[in-house]
PDB file of N, CA and C in Angstrom:
ATOM      1  N   MET A   1       0.832  -1.185   0.000  1.00  0.00           N
ATOM      2  CA  MET A   1       0.000   0.000   0.000  1.00  0.00           C
ATOM      3  C   MET A   1       0.877   1.248   0.000  1.00  0.00           C
ATOM      4  N   ASN A   2       0.557   2.212  -0.821  1.00  0.00           N
ATOM      5  CA  ASN A   2       1.315   3.454  -0.877  1.00  0.00           C
ATOM      6  C   ASN A   2       0.974   4.334   0.324  1.00  0.00           C
ATOM      7  N   ARG A   3       1.946   5.127   0.736  1.00  0.00           N
ATOM      8  CA  ARG A   3       1.734   6.049   1.850  1.00  0.00           C
ATOM      9  C   ARG A   3       2.441   7.359   1.551  1.00  0.00           C
ATOM     10  N   THR A   4       2.040   8.405   2.239  1.00  0.00           N
ATOM     11  CA  THR A   4       2.655   9.714   2.051  1.00  0.00           C
ATOM     12  C   THR A   4       3.774   9.886   3.070  1.00  0.00           C
ATOM     13  N   VAL A   5       4.918  10.373   2.597  1.00  0.00           N
ATOM     14  CA  VAL A   5       6.072  10.621   3.463  1.00  0.00           C
ATOM     15  C   VAL A   5       6.571  12.044   3.237  1.00  0.00           C
ATOM     16  N   ALA A   6       7.334  12.534   4.201  1.00  0.00           N
ATOM     17  CA  ALA A   6       7.994  13.835   4.064  1.00  0.00           C
ATOM     18  C   ALA A   6       9.388  13.591   3.491  1.00  0.00           C
ATOM     19  N   VAL A   7       9.745  14.368   2.481  1.00  0.00           N
ATOM     20  CA  VAL A   7      11.048  14.219   1.823  1.00  0.00           C
ATOM     21  C   VAL A   7      11.679  15.599   1.697  1.00  0.00           C
ATOM     22  N   ARG A   8      12.944  15.695   2.029  1.00  0.00           N
ATOM     23  CA  ARG A   8      13.668  16.954   1.826  1.00  0.00           C
ATOM     24  C   ARG A   8      15.109  16.631   1.463  1.00  0.00           C
ATOM     25  N   PHE A   9      15.798  17.637   0.938  1.00  0.00           N
ATOM     26  CA  PHE A   9      17.210  17.449   0.627  1.00  0.00           C
ATOM     27  C   PHE A   9      17.976  17.235   1.929  1.00  0.00           C
ATOM     28  N   ALA A  10      18.936  16.337   1.907  1.00  0.00           N
ATOM     29  CA  ALA A  10      19.762  16.058   3.080  1.00  0.00           C
ATOM     30  C   ALA A  10      20.623  17.273   3.417  1.00  0.00           C
ATOM     31  N   PHE A  11      21.053  17.339   4.664  1.00  0.00           N
ATOM     32  CA  PHE A  11      21.901  18.430   5.131  1.00  0.00           C
ATOM     33  C   PHE A  11      23.157  18.529   4.266  1.00  0.00           C
ATOM     34  N   GLY A  12      23.501  19.737   3.852  1.00  0.00           N
ATOM     35  CA  GLY A  12      24.711  19.978   3.079  1.00  0.00           C
ATOM     36  C   GLY A  12      24.540  19.901   1.569  1.00  0.00           C
ATOM     37  N   ILE A  13      23.405  19.394   1.090  1.00  0.00           N
ATOM     38  CA  ILE A  13      23.174  19.286  -0.356  1.00  0.00           C
ATOM     39  C   ILE A  13      22.756  20.635  -0.928  1.00  0.00           C
ATOM     40  N   VAL A  14      21.847  21.299  -0.237  1.00  0.00           N
ATOM     41  CA  VAL A  14      21.367  22.628  -0.645  1.00  0.00           C
ATOM     42  C   VAL A  14      21.386  23.528   0.585  1.00  0.00           C
ATOM     43  N   GLY A  15      21.202  24.823   0.386  1.00  0.00           N
ATOM     44  CA  GLY A  15      21.126  25.754   1.508  1.00  0.00           C
ATOM     45  C   GLY A  15      19.898  25.470   2.367  1.00  0.00           C
ATOM     46  N   GLU A  16      19.936  25.911   3.613  1.00  0.00           N
ATOM     47  CA  GLU A  16      18.840  25.640   4.551  1.00  0.00           C
ATOM     48  C   GLU A  16      17.489  26.144   4.057  1.00  0.00           C
ATOM     49  N   THR A  17      17.458  27.241   3.319  1.00  0.00           N
ATOM     50  CA  THR A  17      16.176  27.771   2.844  1.00  0.00           C
ATOM     51  C   THR A  17      15.522  26.865   1.811  1.00  0.00           C
ATOM     52  N   ARG A  18      16.284  25.972   1.189  1.00  0.00           N
ATOM     53  CA  ARG A  18      15.721  25.030   0.202  1.00  0.00           C
ATOM     54  C   ARG A  18      15.412  23.667   0.804  1.00  0.00           C
ATOM     55  N   ARG A  19      15.612  23.518   2.099  1.00  0.00           N
ATOM     56  CA  ARG A  19      15.374  22.215   2.741  1.00  0.00           C
ATOM     57  C   ARG A  19      13.945  22.092   3.262  1.00  0.00           C
ATOM     58  N   GLU A  20      12.997  22.537   2.478  1.00  0.00           N
ATOM     59  CA  GLU A  20      11.595  22.398   2.853  1.00  0.00           C
ATOM     60  C   GLU A  20      11.222  20.918   2.903  1.00  0.00           C
ATOM     61  N   ALA A  21      10.273  20.596   3.773  1.00  0.00           N
ATOM     62  CA  ALA A  21       9.761  19.227   3.844  1.00  0.00           C
ATOM     63  C   ALA A  21       8.633  19.087   2.828  1.00  0.00           C
ATOM     64  N   HIS A  22       8.913  18.363   1.763  1.00  0.00           N
ATOM     65  CA  HIS A  22       7.933  18.125   0.704  1.00  0.00           C
ATOM     66  C   HIS A  22       7.169  16.849   1.017  1.00  0.00           C
ATOM     67  N   LEU A  23       6.024  16.690   0.392  1.00  0.00           N
ATOM     68  CA  LEU A  23       5.243  15.463   0.524  1.00  0.00           C
ATOM     69  C   LEU A  23       5.377  14.651  -0.756  1.00  0.00           C
ATOM     70  N   ALA A  24       5.519  13.348  -0.597  1.00  0.00           N
ATOM     71  CA  ALA A  24       5.636  12.446  -1.747  1.00  0.00           C
ATOM     72  C   ALA A  24       4.968  11.122  -1.400  1.00  0.00           C
ATOM     73  N   THR A  25       4.594  10.398  -2.421  1.00  0.00           N
ATOM     74  CA  THR A  25       4.008   9.075  -2.223  1.00  0.00           C
ATOM     75  C   THR A  25       5.118   8.036  -2.281  1.00  0.00           C
ATOM     76  N   ALA A  26       5.233   7.269  -1.209  1.00  0.00           N
ATOM     77  CA  ALA A  26       6.234   6.203  -1.169  1.00  0.00           C
ATOM     78  C   ALA A  26       5.675   4.985  -1.892  1.00  0.00           C
ATOM     79  N   PRO A  27       6.492   4.333  -2.706  1.00  0.00           N
ATOM     80  CA  PRO A  27       6.019   3.126  -3.388  1.00  0.00           C
ATOM     81  C   PRO A  27       5.787   2.001  -2.384  1.00  0.00           C
ATOM     82  N   GLY A  28       5.031   1.018  -2.794  1.00  0.00           N
ATOM     83  CA  GLY A  28       4.754  -0.122  -1.921  1.00  0.00           C
ATOM     84  C   GLY A  28       6.017  -0.858  -1.505  1.00  0.00           C
ATOM     85  N   THR A  29       6.988  -0.945  -2.421  1.00  0.00           N
ATOM     86  CA  THR A  29       8.251  -1.618  -2.116  1.00  0.00           C
ATOM     87  C   THR A  29       9.403  -0.825  -2.714  1.00  0.00           C
ATOM     88  N   GLY A  30      10.557  -0.922  -2.102  1.00  0.00           N
ATOM     89  CA  GLY A  30      11.760  -0.290  -2.632  1.00  0.00           C
ATOM     90  C   GLY A  30      11.801   1.216  -2.459  1.00  0.00           C
ATOM     91  N   ILE A  31      12.849   1.797  -3.006  1.00  0.00           N
ATOM     92  CA  ILE A  31      13.068   3.241  -2.959  1.00  0.00           C
ATOM     93  C   ILE A  31      13.197   3.723  -4.397  1.00  0.00           C
ATOM     94  N   PRO A  32      12.471   4.780  -4.766  1.00  0.00           N
ATOM     95  CA  PRO A  32      12.568   5.272  -6.140  1.00  0.00           C
ATOM     96  C   PRO A  32      13.930   5.917  -6.404  1.00  0.00           C
ATOM     97  N   ALA A  33      14.321   6.006  -7.648  1.00  0.00           N
ATOM     98  CA  ALA A  33      15.576   6.680  -8.009  1.00  0.00           C
ATOM     99  C   ALA A  33      15.498   8.159  -7.656  1.00  0.00           C
ATOM    100  N   ALA A  34      14.309   8.729  -7.778  1.00  0.00           N
ATOM    101  CA  ALA A  34      14.068  10.122  -7.404  1.00  0.00           C
ATOM    102  C   ALA A  34      12.660  10.221  -6.836  1.00  0.00           C
ATOM    103  N   TRP A  35      12.508  11.044  -5.823  1.00  0.00           N
ATOM    104  CA  TRP A  35      11.203  11.282  -5.222  1.00  0.00           C
ATOM    105  C   TRP A  35      10.524  12.407  -5.981  1.00  0.00           C
ATOM    106  N   LEU A  36       9.344  12.156  -6.514  1.00  0.00           N
ATOM    107  CA  LEU A  36       8.555  13.194  -7.172  1.00  0.00           C
ATOM    108  C   LEU A  36       7.545  13.688  -6.147  1.00  0.00           C
ATOM    109  N   THR A  37       7.691  14.946  -5.753  1.00  0.00           N
ATOM    110  CA  THR A  37       6.851  15.487  -4.690  1.00  0.00           C
ATOM    111  C   THR A  37       5.528  16.000  -5.237  1.00  0.00           C
ATOM    112  N   PHE A  38       4.584  16.251  -4.338  1.00  0.00           N
ATOM    113  CA  PHE A  38       3.260  16.719  -4.730  1.00  0.00           C
ATOM    114  C   PHE A  38       3.324  18.043  -5.485  1.00  0.00           C
ATOM    115  N   CYS A  39       4.355  18.864  -5.218  1.00  0.00           N
ATOM    116  CA  CYS A  39       4.470  20.163  -5.900  1.00  0.00           C
ATOM    117  C   CYS A  39       5.252  20.065  -7.206  1.00  0.00           C
ATOM    118  N   GLY A  40       5.789  18.880  -7.518  1.00  0.00           N
ATOM    119  CA  GLY A  40       6.515  18.689  -8.769  1.00  0.00           C
ATOM    120  C   GLY A  40       8.026  18.694  -8.646  1.00  0.00           C
ATOM    121  N   GLU A  41       8.552  18.966  -7.468  1.00  0.00           N
ATOM    122  CA  GLU A  41      10.005  18.939  -7.241  1.00  0.00           C
ATOM    123  C   GLU A  41      10.491  17.495  -7.326  1.00  0.00           C
ATOM    124  N   GLU A  42      11.636  17.285  -7.952  1.00  0.00           N
ATOM    125  CA  GLU A  42      12.257  15.957  -7.992  1.00  0.00           C
ATOM    126  C   GLU A  42      13.488  15.973  -7.110  1.00  0.00           C
ATOM    127  N   ILE A  43      13.526  15.063  -6.153  1.00  0.00           N
ATOM    128  CA  ILE A  43      14.666  14.971  -5.243  1.00  0.00           C
ATOM    129  C   ILE A  43      15.302  13.597  -5.435  1.00  0.00           C
ATOM    130  N   PRO A  44      16.549  13.555  -5.939  1.00  0.00           N
ATOM    131  CA  PRO A  44      17.217  12.264  -6.134  1.00  0.00           C
ATOM    132  C   PRO A  44      17.310  11.496  -4.810  1.00  0.00           C
ATOM    133  N   ALA A  45      17.065  10.208  -4.860  1.00  0.00           N
ATOM    134  CA  ALA A  45      17.043   9.391  -3.641  1.00  0.00           C
ATOM    135  C   ALA A  45      18.351   9.488  -2.858  1.00  0.00           C
ATOM    136  N   HIS A  46      19.485   9.554  -3.552  1.00  0.00           N
ATOM    137  CA  HIS A  46      20.770   9.603  -2.845  1.00  0.00           C
ATOM    138  C   HIS A  46      21.026  10.957  -2.182  1.00  0.00           C
ATOM    139  N   GLN A  47      20.170  11.955  -2.455  1.00  0.00           N
ATOM    140  CA  GLN A  47      20.293  13.273  -1.822  1.00  0.00           C
ATOM    141  C   GLN A  47      19.136  13.552  -0.865  1.00  0.00           C
ATOM    142  N   ALA A  48      18.284  12.560  -0.649  1.00  0.00           N
ATOM    143  CA  ALA A  48      17.052  12.771   0.112  1.00  0.00           C
ATOM    144  C   ALA A  48      17.139  12.294   1.551  1.00  0.00           C
ATOM    145  N   GLU A  49      16.394  12.985   2.374  1.00  0.00           N
ATOM    146  CA  GLU A  49      16.156  12.602   3.758  1.00  0.00           C
ATOM    147  C   GLU A  49      14.652  12.337   3.828  1.00  0.00           C
ATOM    148  N   VAL A  50      14.253  11.135   4.203  1.00  0.00           N
ATOM    149  CA  VAL A  50      12.840  10.741   4.183  1.00  0.00           C
ATOM    150  C   VAL A  50      12.367  10.475   5.606  1.00  0.00           C
ATOM    151  N   SER A  51      11.159  10.947   5.908  1.00  0.00           N
ATOM    152  CA  SER A  51      10.594  10.761   7.237  1.00  0.00           C
ATOM    153  C   SER A  51       9.138  10.327   7.136  1.00  0.00           C
ATOM    154  N   GLU A  52       8.742   9.402   7.983  1.00  0.00           N
ATOM    155  CA  GLU A  52       7.345   8.961   8.044  1.00  0.00           C
ATOM    156  C   GLU A  52       6.477  10.025   8.711  1.00  0.00           C
ATOM    157  N   LYS A  53       7.108  10.915   9.474  1.00  0.00           N
ATOM    158  CA  LYS A  53       6.393  11.960  10.212  1.00  0.00           C
ATOM    159  C   LYS A  53       6.815  13.321   9.668  1.00  0.00           C
ATOM    160  N   PRO A  54       5.987  14.340   9.874  1.00  0.00           N
ATOM    161  CA  PRO A  54       6.379  15.687   9.434  1.00  0.00           C
ATOM    162  C   PRO A  54       7.701  16.096  10.088  1.00  0.00           C
ATOM    163  N   ALA A  55       8.556  16.734   9.304  1.00  0.00           N
ATOM    164  CA  ALA A  55       9.843  17.184   9.816  1.00  0.00           C
ATOM    165  C   ALA A  55      10.278  18.426   9.054  1.00  0.00           C
ATOM    166  N   GLY A  56      10.592  19.488   9.767  1.00  0.00           N
ATOM    167  CA  GLY A  56      11.082  20.698   9.119  1.00  0.00           C
ATOM    168  C   GLY A  56       9.982  21.606   8.596  1.00  0.00           C
ATOM    169  N   MET A  57      10.418  22.657   7.921  1.00  0.00           N
ATOM    170  CA  MET A  57       9.507  23.650   7.352  1.00  0.00           C
ATOM    171  C   MET A  57       8.739  23.020   6.194  1.00  0.00           C
ATOM    172  N   PRO A  58       7.400  23.020   6.245  1.00  0.00           N
ATOM    173  CA  PRO A  58       6.629  22.371   5.178  1.00  0.00           C
ATOM    174  C   PRO A  58       6.609  23.174   3.882  1.00  0.00           C
ATOM    175  N   CYS A  59       6.520  22.479   2.781  1.00  0.00           N
ATOM    176  CA  CYS A  59       6.342  23.102   1.468  1.00  0.00           C
ATOM    177  C   CYS A  59       4.854  23.434   1.331  1.00  0.00           C
ATOM    178  N   VAL A  60       4.541  24.704   1.198  1.00  0.00           N
ATOM    179  CA  VAL A  60       3.148  25.145   1.116  1.00  0.00           C
ATOM    180  C   VAL A  60       2.470  24.585  -0.133  1.00  0.00           C
ATOM    181  N   ARG A  61       3.203  24.506  -1.239  1.00  0.00           N
ATOM    182  CA  ARG A  61       2.606  23.959  -2.470  1.00  0.00           C
ATOM    183  C   ARG A  61       2.244  22.486  -2.307  1.00  0.00           C
ATOM    184  N   CYS A  62       3.073  21.720  -1.623  1.00  0.00           N
ATOM    185  CA  CYS A  62       2.747  20.311  -1.370  1.00  0.00           C
ATOM    186  C   CYS A  62       1.520  20.196  -0.467  1.00  0.00           C
ATOM    187  N   LEU A  63       1.452  21.037   0.564  1.00  0.00           N
ATOM    188  CA  LEU A  63       0.299  21.005   1.465  1.00  0.00           C
ATOM    189  C   LEU A  63      -0.981  21.342   0.718  1.00  0.00           C
ATOM    190  N   ALA A  64      -0.922  22.351  -0.148  1.00  0.00           N
ATOM    191  CA  ALA A  64      -2.103  22.739  -0.927  1.00  0.00           C
ATOM    192  C   ALA A  64      -2.530  21.601  -1.849  1.00  0.00           C
ATOM    193  N   SER A  65      -1.570  20.944  -2.462  1.00  0.00           N
ATOM    194  CA  SER A  65      -1.872  19.825  -3.354  1.00  0.00           C
ATOM    195  C   SER A  65      -2.494  18.667  -2.578  1.00  0.00           C
ATOM    196  N   ALA A  66      -1.966  18.385  -1.399  1.00  0.00           N
ATOM    197  CA  ALA A  66      -2.504  17.305  -0.571  1.00  0.00           C
ATOM    198  C   ALA A  66      -3.923  17.636  -0.128  1.00  0.00           C
ATOM    199  N   THR A  67      -4.172  18.873   0.211  1.00  0.00           N
ATOM    200  CA  THR A  67      -5.503  19.301   0.641  1.00  0.00           C
ATOM    201  C   THR A  67      -6.509  19.153  -0.486  1.00  0.00           C
ATOM    202  N   ARG A  68      -6.117  19.502  -1.699  1.00  0.00           N
ATOM    203  CA  ARG A  68      -7.018  19.360  -2.849  1.00  0.00           C
ATOM    204  C   ARG A  68      -7.392  17.900  -3.072  1.00  0.00           C
ATOM    205  N   SER A  69      -6.433  17.000  -2.929  1.00  0.00           N
ATOM    206  CA  SER A  69      -6.732  15.584  -3.174  1.00  0.00           C
ATOM    207  C   SER A  69      -7.610  14.991  -2.075  1.00  0.00           C
ATOM    208  N   ILE A  70      -7.523  15.499  -0.867  1.00  0.00           N
ATOM    209  CA  ILE A  70      -8.350  15.008   0.239  1.00  0.00           C
ATOM    210  C   ILE A  70      -9.795  15.461   0.072  1.00  0.00           C
ATOM    211  N   SER A  71      -9.988  16.688  -0.390  1.00  0.00           N
ATOM    212  CA  SER A  71     -11.336  17.251  -0.470  1.00  0.00           C
ATOM    213  C   SER A  71     -12.137  16.734  -1.658  1.00  0.00           C
ATOM    214  N   ARG A  72     -11.553  15.916  -2.509  1.00  0.00           N
ATOM    215  CA  ARG A  72     -12.273  15.384  -3.684  1.00  0.00           C
ATOM    216  C   ARG A  72     -13.129  14.214  -3.327  1.00  0.00           C
TER     217      ARG A  72
END
């Protein structure tokens, strides 16, 4: 079953202002080569920090996208 996870660039990959916590759908098995977030950002798996729980400053565009899909 797919689930939503928080994904952001790992420490040192980008500046702190770009380390927003994006939302992405985790595949049922394995790790994708790149995480495609709800807002359209692609984060390569080898540069990603993934969390099952919210962590860090949220991406407003991802939150808005998630809200739209819930209200349908």
